[in-house]
Protein backbone atom coordinates (compact mmCIF):
# COMPACT_ATOMS: atom_id res chain seq x y z
CA MET A 1 -49.05 5.82 -88.23
CA ALA A 2 -49.21 2.93 -89.97
CA ILE A 3 -49.25 -0.58 -87.61
CA GLY A 4 -46.01 -1.46 -89.19
CA GLU A 5 -44.38 1.56 -88.62
CA LEU A 6 -45.71 1.49 -85.02
CA LEU A 7 -44.37 -1.56 -84.32
CA ALA A 8 -40.64 -0.60 -85.93
CA TRP A 9 -41.06 2.61 -83.58
CA GLN A 10 -42.03 0.10 -80.84
CA TRP A 11 -39.10 -2.60 -81.33
CA SER A 12 -36.53 0.16 -81.77
CA GLY A 13 -36.87 1.48 -78.73
CA TYR A 14 -37.15 -1.56 -76.67
CA PRO A 15 -33.27 -2.07 -75.68
CA LYS A 16 -33.38 1.58 -74.29
CA TYR A 17 -37.10 1.65 -72.62
CA HIS A 18 -36.79 -1.92 -70.69
CA VAL A 19 -32.83 -0.94 -69.48
CA SER A 20 -33.55 -2.89 -66.29
CA ARG A 21 -35.66 -6.40 -65.61
CA ALA A 22 -37.49 -4.87 -63.55
CA ASN A 23 -38.93 -2.47 -65.74
CA LEU A 24 -40.12 -4.68 -67.97
CA VAL A 25 -41.46 -6.88 -65.20
CA LEU A 26 -43.17 -3.73 -64.30
CA HIS A 27 -44.20 -3.16 -67.99
CA ILE A 28 -45.70 -7.11 -67.98
CA VAL A 29 -47.76 -6.38 -65.15
CA VAL A 30 -49.20 -3.12 -65.51
CA VAL A 31 -49.71 -3.09 -69.35
CA PRO A 32 -53.08 -5.64 -68.98
CA PHE A 33 -54.19 -3.44 -65.93
CA PHE A 34 -54.21 -0.38 -68.42
CA LEU A 35 -56.07 -1.79 -71.27
CA LEU A 36 -58.95 -4.01 -69.12
CA GLY A 37 -59.20 0.06 -67.23
CA ASN A 38 -59.08 1.56 -70.70
CA VAL A 39 -62.50 -1.03 -71.79
CA ALA A 40 -64.13 -0.86 -68.74
CA LEU A 41 -64.56 2.59 -68.43
CA VAL A 42 -65.30 2.89 -71.92
CA VAL A 43 -67.59 0.23 -71.67
CA GLY A 44 -68.86 1.43 -68.39
CA LEU A 45 -69.91 5.50 -69.91
CA VAL A 46 -71.35 3.34 -72.79
CA LEU A 47 -73.68 1.79 -71.09
CA ILE A 48 -74.32 4.23 -68.19
CA ALA A 49 -72.94 2.20 -65.41
CA PRO A 50 -70.94 3.57 -62.72
CA LEU A 51 -69.52 0.62 -61.42
CA PRO A 52 -67.38 -0.73 -64.27
CA ALA A 53 -66.74 2.82 -64.99
CA ILE A 54 -65.45 3.45 -61.51
CA ALA A 55 -63.34 0.01 -61.97
CA GLY A 56 -61.84 0.76 -65.75
CA ALA A 57 -60.85 4.18 -64.31
CA ALA A 58 -58.93 2.73 -60.98
CA ALA A 59 -57.81 0.20 -62.92
CA THR A 60 -56.46 2.74 -65.64
CA SER A 61 -54.59 5.27 -62.77
CA PHE A 62 -53.34 1.90 -61.25
CA GLY A 63 -51.34 1.16 -64.96
CA THR A 64 -50.32 4.62 -65.39
CA SER A 65 -48.89 5.07 -61.95
CA GLY A 66 -46.63 3.11 -62.97
CA HIS A 67 -44.88 5.96 -65.31
CA VAL A 68 -45.28 8.31 -62.52
CA THR A 69 -43.14 6.63 -59.93
CA ALA A 70 -40.26 5.70 -61.90
CA LYS A 71 -36.82 6.33 -60.85
CA SER A 72 -35.74 7.82 -64.09
CA SER A 73 -37.87 8.61 -67.42
CA ILE A 74 -36.17 7.60 -70.60
CA TYR A 75 -38.25 9.09 -73.07
CA LYS A 76 -39.23 12.49 -72.31
CA PHE A 77 -43.08 13.46 -73.43
CA LYS A 78 -43.71 16.38 -75.49
């Protein structure tokens, strides 16, 4: 999928996925933790440094916890 297609897909689903302000705020807060957690996890694994790897795994799991505990899941993953 090209960048243009990805952006078009993201924007087309925006009204459907962010129905409530709470969901939008959740994404604004949690997505940076998820992204930084992934970076820290990879850096920790590449450098064989356990502290960044553990911190990255924890931040990544925190970033995904909002999707697991959400009341309703609009998009069903296959």
